[in-house]
Amino acid sequence: MLQSELLSRIEEIILIAVLELGDNAYGVTIRAYVEDALKRKCSIGAIYVPLERLAERGFLSYRDAEPTQERGGRSKRMYTVTAKGVTALREVQRLHESLWSNIANVIPAFN
């Protein structure tokens, strides 16, 4: 994977959220997942900007669900992780494992 393809931490968390949420992955549920994972509140922009960036880069796809009355006739944008997104997550996992194993060799207290 090219360095420009590496995921930021928030992108990584969002992709994991979408995977775990499955058919229920839309802005509000993704935001709640991220807030729970980080143990802090996130602005709407902190979620929607990376969602759009991930979609533009081909890591996510989305479809608009049917509009509902409870949402004032608006539809939810439902997200799905693409094969490219899964590959990016696997790559960042390998990077984390490699970095942490190197630290464990340098600082025994991390073992």
PDB file of N, CA and C in Angstrom:
ATOM      1  N   MET A   1       0.846  -1.176   0.000  1.00  0.00           N
ATOM      2  CA  MET A   1       0.000   0.000   0.000  1.00  0.00           C
ATOM      3  C   MET A   1       0.890   1.237   0.000  1.00  0.00           C
ATOM      4  N   LEU A   2       0.549   2.209  -0.792  1.00  0.00           N
ATOM      5  CA  LEU A   2       1.304   3.448  -0.846  1.00  0.00           C
ATOM      6  C   LEU A   2       1.114   4.236   0.436  1.00  0.00           C
ATOM      7  N   GLN A   3       2.127   5.008   0.814  1.00  0.00           N
ATOM      8  CA  GLN A   3       2.029   5.791   2.036  1.00  0.00           C
ATOM      9  C   GLN A   3       0.820   6.718   1.984  1.00  0.00           C
ATOM     10  N   SER A   4       0.508   7.263   0.798  1.00  0.00           N
ATOM     11  CA  SER A   4      -0.638   8.154   0.677  1.00  0.00           C
ATOM     12  C   SER A   4      -1.955   7.422   0.915  1.00  0.00           C
ATOM     13  N   GLU A   5      -1.915   6.091   0.879  1.00  0.00           N
ATOM     14  CA  GLU A   5      -3.109   5.287   1.096  1.00  0.00           C
ATOM     15  C   GLU A   5      -3.280   4.903   2.563  1.00  0.00           C
ATOM     16  N   LEU A   6      -2.295   5.207   3.399  1.00  0.00           N
ATOM     17  CA  LEU A   6      -2.414   4.862   4.810  1.00  0.00           C
ATOM     18  C   LEU A   6      -3.607   5.585   5.431  1.00  0.00           C
ATOM     19  N   LEU A   7      -4.233   4.934   6.362  1.00  0.00           N
ATOM     20  CA  LEU A   7      -5.392   5.491   7.039  1.00  0.00           C
ATOM     21  C   LEU A   7      -4.964   6.336   8.231  1.00  0.00           C
ATOM     22  N   SER A   8      -5.689   7.415   8.465  1.00  0.00           N
ATOM     23  CA  SER A   8      -5.514   8.147   9.712  1.00  0.00           C
ATOM     24  C   SER A   8      -6.202   7.338  10.814  1.00  0.00           C
ATOM     25  N   ARG A   9      -5.953   7.683  12.048  1.00  0.00           N
ATOM     26  CA  ARG A   9      -6.562   6.949  13.168  1.00  0.00           C
ATOM     27  C   ARG A   9      -8.091   7.043  13.101  1.00  0.00           C
ATOM     28  N   ILE A  10      -8.629   8.236  12.827  1.00  0.00           N
ATOM     29  CA  ILE A  10     -10.083   8.374  12.776  1.00  0.00           C
ATOM     30  C   ILE A  10     -10.651   7.589  11.600  1.00  0.00           C
ATOM     31  N   GLU A  11      -9.958   7.554  10.470  1.00  0.00           N
ATOM     32  CA  GLU A  11     -10.421   6.753   9.337  1.00  0.00           C
ATOM     33  C   GLU A  11     -10.444   5.267   9.693  1.00  0.00           C
ATOM     34  N   GLU A  12      -9.423   4.829  10.385  1.00  0.00           N
ATOM     35  CA  GLU A  12      -9.356   3.436  10.819  1.00  0.00           C
ATOM     36  C   GLU A  12     -10.546   3.098  11.724  1.00  0.00           C
ATOM     37  N   ILE A  13     -10.800   3.946  12.707  1.00  0.00           N
ATOM     38  CA  ILE A  13     -11.903   3.706  13.640  1.00  0.00           C
ATOM     39  C   ILE A  13     -13.240   3.718  12.903  1.00  0.00           C
ATOM     40  N   ILE A  14     -13.407   4.635  11.962  1.00  0.00           N
ATOM     41  CA  ILE A  14     -14.660   4.713  11.211  1.00  0.00           C
ATOM     42  C   ILE A  14     -14.855   3.461  10.362  1.00  0.00           C
ATOM     43  N   LEU A  15     -13.820   2.983   9.697  1.00  0.00           N
ATOM     44  CA  LEU A  15     -13.955   1.756   8.903  1.00  0.00           C
ATOM     45  C   LEU A  15     -14.327   0.571   9.788  1.00  0.00           C
ATOM     46  N   ILE A  16     -13.705   0.478  10.950  1.00  0.00           N
ATOM     47  CA  ILE A  16     -14.042  -0.598  11.885  1.00  0.00           C
ATOM     48  C   ILE A  16     -15.492  -0.455  12.338  1.00  0.00           C
ATOM     49  N   ALA A  17     -15.913   0.769  12.613  1.00  0.00           N
ATOM     50  CA  ALA A  17     -17.305   1.011  13.020  1.00  0.00           C
ATOM     51  C   ALA A  17     -18.272   0.534  11.947  1.00  0.00           C
ATOM     52  N   VAL A  18     -17.998   0.883  10.696  1.00  0.00           N
ATOM     53  CA  VAL A  18     -18.882   0.487   9.595  1.00  0.00           C
ATOM     54  C   VAL A  18     -18.930  -1.029   9.473  1.00  0.00           C
ATOM     55  N   LEU A  19     -17.790  -1.680   9.611  1.00  0.00           N
ATOM     56  CA  LEU A  19     -17.766  -3.147   9.568  1.00  0.00           C
ATOM     57  C   LEU A  19     -18.617  -3.744  10.686  1.00  0.00           C
ATOM     58  N   GLU A  20     -18.423  -3.256  11.886  1.00  0.00           N
ATOM     59  CA  GLU A  20     -19.152  -3.810  13.031  1.00  0.00           C
ATOM     60  C   GLU A  20     -20.642  -3.492  12.985  1.00  0.00           C
ATOM     61  N   LEU A  21     -20.996  -2.313  12.507  1.00  0.00           N
ATOM     62  CA  LEU A  21     -22.404  -1.916  12.465  1.00  0.00           C
ATOM     63  C   LEU A  21     -23.174  -2.612  11.342  1.00  0.00           C
ATOM     64  N   GLY A  22     -22.469  -3.069  10.328  1.00  0.00           N
ATOM     65  CA  GLY A  22     -23.113  -3.796   9.229  1.00  0.00           C
ATOM     66  C   GLY A  22     -24.226  -2.996   8.566  1.00  0.00           C
ATOM     67  N   ASP A  23     -25.414  -3.578   8.497  1.00  0.00           N
ATOM     68  CA  ASP A  23     -26.552  -2.938   7.825  1.00  0.00           C
ATOM     69  C   ASP A  23     -27.083  -1.722   8.567  1.00  0.00           C
ATOM     70  N   ASN A  24     -26.533  -1.428   9.728  1.00  0.00           N
ATOM     71  CA  ASN A  24     -26.991  -0.288  10.515  1.00  0.00           C
ATOM     72  C   ASN A  24     -25.941   0.830  10.533  1.00  0.00           C
ATOM     73  N   ALA A  25     -25.057   0.863   9.519  1.00  0.00           N
ATOM     74  CA  ALA A  25     -23.966   1.851   9.477  1.00  0.00           C
ATOM     75  C   ALA A  25     -24.395   3.098   8.718  1.00  0.00           C
ATOM     76  N   TYR A  26     -24.798   4.109   9.467  1.00  0.00           N
ATOM     77  CA  TYR A  26     -25.096   5.423   8.900  1.00  0.00           C
ATOM     78  C   TYR A  26     -24.557   6.464   9.868  1.00  0.00           C
ATOM     79  N   GLY A  27     -24.566   7.706   9.487  1.00  0.00           N
ATOM     80  CA  GLY A  27     -23.887   8.758  10.233  1.00  0.00           C
ATOM     81  C   GLY A  27     -24.073   8.749  11.733  1.00  0.00           C
ATOM     82  N   VAL A  28     -25.316   8.688  12.194  1.00  0.00           N
ATOM     83  CA  VAL A  28     -25.597   8.764  13.626  1.00  0.00           C
ATOM     84  C   VAL A  28     -25.027   7.561  14.374  1.00  0.00           C
ATOM     85  N   THR A  29     -25.204   6.365  13.842  1.00  0.00           N
ATOM     86  CA  THR A  29     -24.702   5.173  14.534  1.00  0.00           C
ATOM     87  C   THR A  29     -23.178   5.102  14.478  1.00  0.00           C
ATOM     88  N   ILE A  30     -22.612   5.559  13.366  1.00  0.00           N
ATOM     89  CA  ILE A  30     -21.146   5.585  13.257  1.00  0.00           C
ATOM     90  C   ILE A  30     -20.574   6.564  14.276  1.00  0.00           C
ATOM     91  N   ARG A  31     -21.193   7.733  14.379  1.00  0.00           N
ATOM     92  CA  ARG A  31     -20.740   8.738  15.342  1.00  0.00           C
ATOM     93  C   ARG A  31     -20.820   8.185  16.766  1.00  0.00           C
ATOM     94  N   ALA A  32     -21.914   7.517  17.115  1.00  0.00           N
ATOM     95  CA  ALA A  32     -22.067   6.944  18.453  1.00  0.00           C
ATOM     96  C   ALA A  32     -20.987   5.894  18.718  1.00  0.00           C
ATOM     97  N   TYR A  33     -20.696   5.067  17.720  1.00  0.00           N
ATOM     98  CA  TYR A  33     -19.656   4.042  17.858  1.00  0.00           C
ATOM     99  C   TYR A  33     -18.306   4.704  18.129  1.00  0.00           C
ATOM    100  N   VAL A  34     -17.972   5.723  17.348  1.00  0.00           N
ATOM    101  CA  VAL A  34     -16.683   6.407  17.487  1.00  0.00           C
ATOM    102  C   VAL A  34     -16.585   7.085  18.852  1.00  0.00           C
ATOM    103  N   GLU A  35     -17.660   7.753  19.269  1.00  0.00           N
ATOM    104  CA  GLU A  35     -17.653   8.409  20.579  1.00  0.00           C
ATOM    105  C   GLU A  35     -17.458   7.395  21.702  1.00  0.00           C
ATOM    106  N   ASP A  36     -18.103   6.248  21.584  1.00  0.00           N
ATOM    107  CA  ASP A  36     -17.949   5.196  22.587  1.00  0.00           C
ATOM    108  C   ASP A  36     -16.513   4.662  22.596  1.00  0.00           C
ATOM    109  N   ALA A  37     -15.944   4.463  21.410  1.00  0.00           N
ATOM    110  CA  ALA A  37     -14.573   3.942  21.313  1.00  0.00           C
ATOM    111  C   ALA A  37     -13.560   4.934  21.882  1.00  0.00           C
ATOM    112  N   LEU A  38     -13.756   6.214  21.590  1.00  0.00           N
ATOM    113  CA  LEU A  38     -12.814   7.241  22.035  1.00  0.00           C
ATOM    114  C   LEU A  38     -13.108   7.780  23.427  1.00  0.00           C
ATOM    115  N   LYS A  39     -14.292   7.461  23.945  1.00  0.00           N
ATOM    116  CA  LYS A  39     -14.727   7.948  25.265  1.00  0.00           C
ATOM    117  C   LYS A  39     -14.761   9.473  25.322  1.00  0.00           C
ATOM    118  N   ARG A  40     -15.205  10.067  24.204  1.00  0.00           N
ATOM    119  CA  ARG A  40     -15.379  11.525  24.160  1.00  0.00           C
ATOM    120  C   ARG A  40     -16.333  11.877  23.027  1.00  0.00           C
ATOM    121  N   LYS A  41     -16.890  13.066  23.108  1.00  0.00           N
ATOM    122  CA  LYS A  41     -17.822  13.545  22.090  1.00  0.00           C
ATOM    123  C   LYS A  41     -17.054  13.934  20.829  1.00  0.00           C
ATOM    124  N   CYS A  42     -17.699  13.739  19.686  1.00  0.00           N
ATOM    125  CA  CYS A  42     -17.127  14.118  18.395  1.00  0.00           C
ATOM    126  C   CYS A  42     -18.114  15.032  17.681  1.00  0.00           C
ATOM    127  N   SER A  43     -17.603  16.038  17.022  1.00  0.00           N
ATOM    128  CA  SER A  43     -18.480  16.901  16.238  1.00  0.00           C
ATOM    129  C   SER A  43     -18.980  16.134  15.016  1.00  0.00           C
ATOM    130  N   ILE A  44     -20.039  16.619  14.443  1.00  0.00           N
ATOM    131  CA  ILE A  44     -20.581  15.987  13.243  1.00  0.00           C
ATOM    132  C   ILE A  44     -19.525  15.999  12.133  1.00  0.00           C
ATOM    133  N   GLY A  45     -18.829  17.113  11.987  1.00  0.00           N
ATOM    134  CA  GLY A  45     -17.797  17.226  10.958  1.00  0.00           C
ATOM    135  C   GLY A  45     -16.655  16.255  11.151  1.00  0.00           C
ATOM    136  N   ALA A  46     -16.356  15.930  12.417  1.00  0.00           N
ATOM    137  CA  ALA A  46     -15.271  14.993  12.703  1.00  0.00           C
ATOM    138  C   ALA A  46     -15.587  13.597  12.181  1.00  0.00           C
ATOM    139  N   ILE A  47     -16.857  13.324  11.920  1.00  0.00           N
ATOM    140  CA  ILE A  47     -17.281  12.036  11.385  1.00  0.00           C
ATOM    141  C   ILE A  47     -17.577  12.126   9.889  1.00  0.00           C
ATOM    142  N   TYR A  48     -18.346  13.124   9.487  1.00  0.00           N
ATOM    143  CA  TYR A  48     -18.784  13.192   8.093  1.00  0.00           C
ATOM    144  C   TYR A  48     -17.665  13.549   7.117  1.00  0.00           C
ATOM    145  N   VAL A  49     -16.713  14.369   7.528  1.00  0.00           N
ATOM    146  CA  VAL A  49     -15.596  14.697   6.629  1.00  0.00           C
ATOM    147  C   VAL A  49     -14.776  13.444   6.306  1.00  0.00           C
ATOM    148  N   PRO A  50     -14.349  12.658   7.328  1.00  0.00           N
ATOM    149  CA  PRO A  50     -13.626  11.429   6.998  1.00  0.00           C
ATOM    150  C   PRO A  50     -14.489  10.409   6.246  1.00  0.00           C
ATOM    151  N   LEU A  51     -15.801  10.346   6.538  1.00  0.00           N
ATOM    152  CA  LEU A  51     -16.674   9.439   5.788  1.00  0.00           C
ATOM    153  C   LEU A  51     -16.631   9.766   4.302  1.00  0.00           C
ATOM    154  N   GLU A  52     -16.746  11.039   3.981  1.00  0.00           N
ATOM    155  CA  GLU A  52     -16.703  11.459   2.575  1.00  0.00           C
ATOM    156  C   GLU A  52     -15.341  11.171   1.956  1.00  0.00           C
ATOM    157  N   ARG A  53     -14.274  11.443   2.707  1.00  0.00           N
ATOM    158  CA  ARG A  53     -12.919  11.191   2.217  1.00  0.00           C
ATOM    159  C   ARG A  53     -12.712   9.694   1.955  1.00  0.00           C
ATOM    160  N   LEU A  54     -13.192   8.849   2.859  1.00  0.00           N
ATOM    161  CA  LEU A  54     -13.069   7.404   2.680  1.00  0.00           C
ATOM    162  C   LEU A  54     -13.853   6.932   1.457  1.00  0.00           C
ATOM    163  N   ALA A  55     -15.012   7.508   1.234  1.00  0.00           N
ATOM    164  CA  ALA A  55     -15.805   7.156   0.049  1.00  0.00           C
ATOM    165  C   ALA A  55     -15.097   7.610  -1.220  1.00  0.00           C
ATOM    166  N   GLU A  56     -14.559   8.823  -1.215  1.00  0.00           N
ATOM    167  CA  GLU A  56     -13.840   9.337  -2.389  1.00  0.00           C
ATOM    168  C   GLU A  56     -12.628   8.483  -2.725  1.00  0.00           C
ATOM    169  N   ARG A  57     -11.965   7.954  -1.700  1.00  0.00           N
ATOM    170  CA  ARG A  57     -10.763   7.131  -1.898  1.00  0.00           C
ATOM    171  C   ARG A  57     -11.100   5.679  -2.233  1.00  0.00           C
ATOM    172  N   GLY A  58     -12.376   5.330  -2.198  1.00  0.00           N
ATOM    173  CA  GLY A  58     -12.806   3.987  -2.564  1.00  0.00           C
ATOM    174  C   GLY A  58     -12.783   2.979  -1.428  1.00  0.00           C
ATOM    175  N   PHE A  59     -12.632   3.441  -0.185  1.00  0.00           N
ATOM    176  CA  PHE A  59     -12.613   2.553   0.971  1.00  0.00           C
ATOM    177  C   PHE A  59     -14.020   2.252   1.484  1.00  0.00           C
ATOM    178  N   LEU A  60     -14.958   3.115   1.160  1.00  0.00           N
ATOM    179  CA  LEU A  60     -16.358   2.951   1.535  1.00  0.00           C
ATOM    180  C   LEU A  60     -17.224   3.145   0.309  1.00  0.00           C
ATOM    181  N   SER A  61     -18.353   2.454   0.301  1.00  0.00           N
ATOM    182  CA  SER A  61     -19.404   2.761  -0.670  1.00  0.00           C
ATOM    183  C   SER A  61     -20.628   3.130   0.160  1.00  0.00           C
ATOM    184  N   TYR A  62     -21.598   3.744  -0.481  1.00  0.00           N
ATOM    185  CA  TYR A  62     -22.812   4.104   0.244  1.00  0.00           C
ATOM    186  C   TYR A  62     -24.008   4.085  -0.690  1.00  0.00           C
ATOM    187  N   ARG A  63     -25.148   4.000  -0.052  1.00  0.00           N
ATOM    188  CA  ARG A  63     -26.414   4.099  -0.768  1.00  0.00           C
ATOM    189  C   ARG A  63     -27.350   4.888   0.127  1.00  0.00           C
ATOM    190  N   ASP A  64     -28.287   5.565  -0.493  1.00  0.00           N
ATOM    191  CA  ASP A  64     -29.281   6.301   0.273  1.00  0.00           C
ATOM    192  C   ASP A  64     -30.482   5.404   0.506  1.00  0.00           C
ATOM    193  N   ALA A  65     -30.854   5.237   1.781  1.00  0.00           N
ATOM    194  CA  ALA A  65     -32.010   4.421   2.141  1.00  0.00           C
ATOM    195  C   ALA A  65     -33.289   5.187   1.795  1.00  0.00           C
ATOM    196  N   GLU A  66     -34.387   4.492   1.851  1.00  0.00           N
ATOM    197  CA  GLU A  66     -35.681   5.133   1.596  1.00  0.00           C
ATOM    198  C   GLU A  66     -35.926   6.228   2.641  1.00  0.00           C
ATOM    199  N   PRO A  67     -36.479   7.362   2.225  1.00  0.00           N
ATOM    200  CA  PRO A  67     -36.819   8.421   3.186  1.00  0.00           C
ATOM    201  C   PRO A  67     -37.869   7.918   4.185  1.00  0.00           C
ATOM    202  N   THR A  68     -37.788   8.431   5.402  1.00  0.00           N
ATOM    203  CA  THR A  68     -38.759   8.036   6.426  1.00  0.00           C
ATOM    204  C   THR A  68     -39.427   9.275   7.014  1.00  0.00           C
ATOM    205  N   GLN A  69     -40.654   9.098   7.506  1.00  0.00           N
ATOM    206  CA  GLN A  69     -41.380  10.209   8.127  1.00  0.00           C
ATOM    207  C   GLN A  69     -40.679  10.689   9.387  1.00  0.00           C
ATOM    208  N   GLU A  70     -40.137   9.743  10.158  1.00  0.00           N
ATOM    209  CA  GLU A  70     -39.485  10.126  11.403  1.00  0.00           C
ATOM    210  C   GLU A  70     -38.256  10.993  11.176  1.00  0.00           C
ATOM    211  N   ARG A  71     -37.721  10.980   9.970  1.00  0.00           N
ATOM    212  CA  ARG A  71     -36.572  11.826   9.619  1.00  0.00           C
ATOM    213  C   ARG A  71     -37.009  13.019   8.779  1.00  0.00           C
ATOM    214  N   GLY A  72     -38.298  13.328   8.826  1.00  0.00           N
ATOM    215  CA  GLY A  72     -38.805  14.473   8.077  1.00  0.00           C
ATOM    216  C   GLY A  72     -38.714  14.288   6.573  1.00  0.00           C
ATOM    217  N   GLY A  73     -38.809  13.031   6.119  1.00  0.00           N
ATOM    218  CA  GLY A  73     -38.748  12.748   4.690  1.00  0.00           C
ATOM    219  C   GLY A  73     -37.336  12.627   4.133  1.00  0.00           C
ATOM    220  N   ARG A  74     -36.352  12.724   5.004  1.00  0.00           N
ATOM    221  CA  ARG A  74     -34.957  12.579   4.550  1.00  0.00           C
ATOM    222  C   ARG A  74     -34.547  11.117   4.608  1.00  0.00           C
ATOM    223  N   SER A  75     -33.582  10.775   3.793  1.00  0.00           N
ATOM    224  CA  SER A  75     -33.092   9.398   3.800  1.00  0.00           C
ATOM    225  C   SER A  75     -31.746   9.327   4.516  1.00  0.00           C
ATOM    226  N   LYS A  76     -31.429   8.150   5.031  1.00  0.00           N
ATOM    227  CA  LYS A  76     -30.136   7.904   5.654  1.00  0.00           C
ATOM    228  C   LYS A  76     -29.160   7.468   4.579  1.00  0.00           C
ATOM    229  N   ARG A  77     -27.916   7.862   4.717  1.00  0.00           N
ATOM    230  CA  ARG A  77     -26.856   7.367   3.850  1.00  0.00           C
ATOM    231  C   ARG A  77     -26.226   6.174   4.552  1.00  0.00           C
ATOM    232  N   MET A  78     -26.396   5.012   3.963  1.00  0.00           N
ATOM    233  CA  MET A  78     -25.921   3.761   4.546  1.00  0.00           C
ATOM    234  C   MET A  78     -24.546   3.421   3.950  1.00  0.00           C
ATOM    235  N   TYR A  79     -23.590   3.123   4.804  1.00  0.00           N
ATOM    236  CA  TYR A  79     -22.211   2.885   4.372  1.00  0.00           C
ATOM    237  C   TYR A  79     -21.839   1.408   4.439  1.00  0.00           C
ATOM    238  N   THR A  80     -20.945   1.015   3.540  1.00  0.00           N
ATOM    239  CA  THR A  80     -20.397  -0.340   3.489  1.00  0.00           C
ATOM    240  C   THR A  80     -18.907  -0.237   3.199  1.00  0.00           C
ATOM    241  N   VAL A  81     -18.113  -1.050   3.868  1.00  0.00           N
ATOM    242  CA  VAL A  81     -16.673  -1.086   3.607  1.00  0.00           C
ATOM    243  C   VAL A  81     -16.439  -1.893   2.332  1.00  0.00           C
ATOM    244  N   THR A  82     -15.629  -1.362   1.435  1.00  0.00           N
ATOM    245  CA  THR A  82     -15.293  -2.047   0.184  1.00  0.00           C
ATOM    246  C   THR A  82     -14.113  -2.992   0.401  1.00  0.00           C
ATOM    247  N   ALA A  83     -13.824  -3.784  -0.612  1.00  0.00           N
ATOM    248  CA  ALA A  83     -12.654  -4.672  -0.555  1.00  0.00           C
ATOM    249  C   ALA A  83     -11.380  -3.842  -0.357  1.00  0.00           C
ATOM    250  N   LYS A  84     -11.317  -2.694  -1.000  1.00  0.00           N
ATOM    251  CA  LYS A  84     -10.156  -1.816  -0.838  1.00  0.00           C
ATOM    252  C   LYS A  84     -10.060  -1.319   0.609  1.00  0.00           C
ATOM    253  N   GLY A  85     -11.192  -1.073   1.243  1.00  0.00           N
ATOM    254  CA  GLY A  85     -11.211  -0.651   2.639  1.00  0.00           C
ATOM    255  C   GLY A  85     -10.732  -1.745   3.571  1.00  0.00           C
ATOM    256  N   VAL A  86     -11.146  -2.981   3.303  1.00  0.00           N
ATOM    257  CA  VAL A  86     -10.687  -4.117   4.108  1.00  0.00           C
ATOM    258  C   VAL A  86      -9.179  -4.287   3.960  1.00  0.00           C
ATOM    259  N   THR A  87      -8.681  -4.162   2.750  1.00  0.00           N
ATOM    260  CA  THR A  87      -7.237  -4.257   2.508  1.00  0.00           C
ATOM    261  C   THR A  87      -6.495  -3.165   3.277  1.00  0.00           C
ATOM    262  N   ALA A  88      -7.033  -1.955   3.270  1.00  0.00           N
ATOM    263  CA  ALA A  88      -6.402  -0.847   4.000  1.00  0.00           C
ATOM    264  C   ALA A  88      -6.376  -1.127   5.499  1.00  0.00           C
ATOM    265  N   LEU A  89      -7.459  -1.686   6.035  1.00  0.00           N
ATOM    266  CA  LEU A  89      -7.490  -2.024   7.455  1.00  0.00           C
ATOM    267  C   LEU A  89      -6.472  -3.109   7.793  1.00  0.00           C
ATOM    268  N   ARG A  90      -6.374  -4.107   6.935  1.00  0.00           N
ATOM    269  CA  ARG A  90      -5.390  -5.176   7.178  1.00  0.00           C
ATOM    270  C   ARG A  90      -3.972  -4.616   7.152  1.00  0.00           C
ATOM    271  N   GLU A  91      -3.722  -3.698   6.228  1.00  0.00           N
ATOM    272  CA  GLU A  91      -2.393  -3.100   6.115  1.00  0.00           C
ATOM    273  C   GLU A  91      -2.049  -2.273   7.358  1.00  0.00           C
ATOM    274  N   VAL A  92      -3.000  -1.498   7.834  1.00  0.00           N
ATOM    275  CA  VAL A  92      -2.729  -0.686   9.019  1.00  0.00           C
ATOM    276  C   VAL A  92      -2.583  -1.584  10.250  1.00  0.00           C
ATOM    277  N   GLN A  93      -3.296  -2.706  10.291  1.00  0.00           N
ATOM    278  CA  GLN A  93      -3.130  -3.667  11.378  1.00  0.00           C
ATOM    279  C   GLN A  93      -1.714  -4.245  11.356  1.00  0.00           C
ATOM    280  N   ARG A  94      -1.240  -4.619  10.165  1.00  0.00           N
ATOM    281  CA  ARG A  94       0.129  -5.141  10.045  1.00  0.00           C
ATOM    282  C   ARG A  94       1.154  -4.091  10.477  1.00  0.00           C
ATOM    283  N   LEU A  95       0.928  -2.850  10.092  1.00  0.00           N
ATOM    284  CA  LEU A  95       1.829  -1.762  10.475  1.00  0.00           C
ATOM    285  C   LEU A  95       1.857  -1.611  11.994  1.00  0.00           C
ATOM    286  N   HIS A  96       0.678  -1.590  12.629  1.00  0.00           N
ATOM    287  CA  HIS A  96       0.619  -1.476  14.093  1.00  0.00           C
ATOM    288  C   HIS A  96       1.363  -2.627  14.756  1.00  0.00           C
ATOM    289  N   GLU A  97       1.101  -3.838  14.302  1.00  0.00           N
ATOM    290  CA  GLU A  97       1.753  -5.012  14.893  1.00  0.00           C
ATOM    291  C   GLU A  97       3.262  -4.934  14.745  1.00  0.00           C
ATOM    292  N   SER A  98       3.731  -4.502  13.591  1.00  0.00           N
ATOM    293  CA  SER A  98       5.164  -4.379  13.356  1.00  0.00           C
ATOM    294  C   SER A  98       5.777  -3.309  14.265  1.00  0.00           C
ATOM    295  N   LEU A  99       5.130  -2.171  14.341  1.00  0.00           N
ATOM    296  CA  LEU A  99       5.648  -1.089  15.181  1.00  0.00           C
ATOM    297  C   LEU A  99       5.687  -1.498  16.649  1.00  0.00           C
ATOM    298  N   TRP A 100       4.601  -2.123  17.128  1.00  0.00           N
ATOM    299  CA  TRP A 100       4.555  -2.530  18.529  1.00  0.00           C
ATOM    300  C   TRP A 100       5.554  -3.643  18.829  1.00  0.00           C
ATOM    301  N   SER A 101       5.769  -4.538  17.890  1.00  0.00           N
ATOM    302  CA  SER A 101       6.753  -5.598  18.141  1.00  0.00           C
ATOM    303  C   SER A 101       8.151  -5.006  18.213  1.00  0.00           C
ATOM    304  N   ASN A 102       8.419  -3.985  17.425  1.00  0.00           N
ATOM    305  CA  ASN A 102       9.723  -3.315  17.495  1.00  0.00           C
ATOM    306  C   ASN A 102       9.911  -2.636  18.847  1.00  0.00           C
ATOM    307  N   ILE A 103       8.875  -1.990  19.350  1.00  0.00           N
ATOM    308  CA  ILE A 103       8.951  -1.328  20.654  1.00  0.00           C
ATOM    309  C   ILE A 103       9.183  -2.357  21.753  1.00  0.00           C
ATOM    310  N   ALA A 104       8.495  -3.490  21.659  1.00  0.00           N
ATOM    311  CA  ALA A 104       8.640  -4.539  22.674  1.00  0.00           C
ATOM    312  C   ALA A 104      10.081  -5.035  22.741  1.00  0.00           C
ATOM    313  N   ASN A 105      10.788  -5.030  21.628  1.00  0.00           N
ATOM    314  CA  ASN A 105      12.188  -5.452  21.619  1.00  0.00           C
ATOM    315  C   ASN A 105      13.104  -4.413  22.253  1.00  0.00           C
ATOM    316  N   VAL A 106      12.710  -3.156  22.182  1.00  0.00           N
ATOM    317  CA  VAL A 106      13.536  -2.064  22.710  1.00  0.00           C
ATOM    318  C   VAL A 106      13.242  -1.814  24.183  1.00  0.00           C
ATOM    319  N   ILE A 107      11.976  -1.871  24.547  1.00  0.00           N
ATOM    320  CA  ILE A 107      11.560  -1.574  25.909  1.00  0.00           C
ATOM    321  C   ILE A 107      10.868  -2.805  26.479  1.00  0.00           C
ATOM    322  N   PRO A 108      11.578  -3.619  27.247  1.00  0.00           N
ATOM    323  CA  PRO A 108      10.996  -4.870  27.763  1.00  0.00           C
ATOM    324  C   PRO A 108       9.712  -4.684  28.555  1.00  0.00           C
ATOM    325  N   ALA A 109       9.496  -3.521  29.144  1.00  0.00           N
ATOM    326  CA  ALA A 109       8.296  -3.297  29.942  1.00  0.00           C
ATOM    327  C   ALA A 109       7.022  -3.378  29.106  1.00  0.00           C
ATOM    328  N   PHE A 110       7.123  -3.262  27.789  1.00  0.00           N
ATOM    329  CA  PHE A 110       5.957  -3.329  26.915  1.00  0.00           C
ATOM    330  C   PHE A 110       5.548  -4.753  26.621  1.00  0.00           C
ATOM    331  N   ASN A 111       6.346  -5.724  27.013  1.00  0.00           N
ATOM    332  CA  ASN A 111       5.996  -7.131  26.759  1.00  0.00           C
ATOM    333  C   ASN A 111       4.893  -7.610  27.651  1.00  0.00           C
TER     334      ASN A 111
END
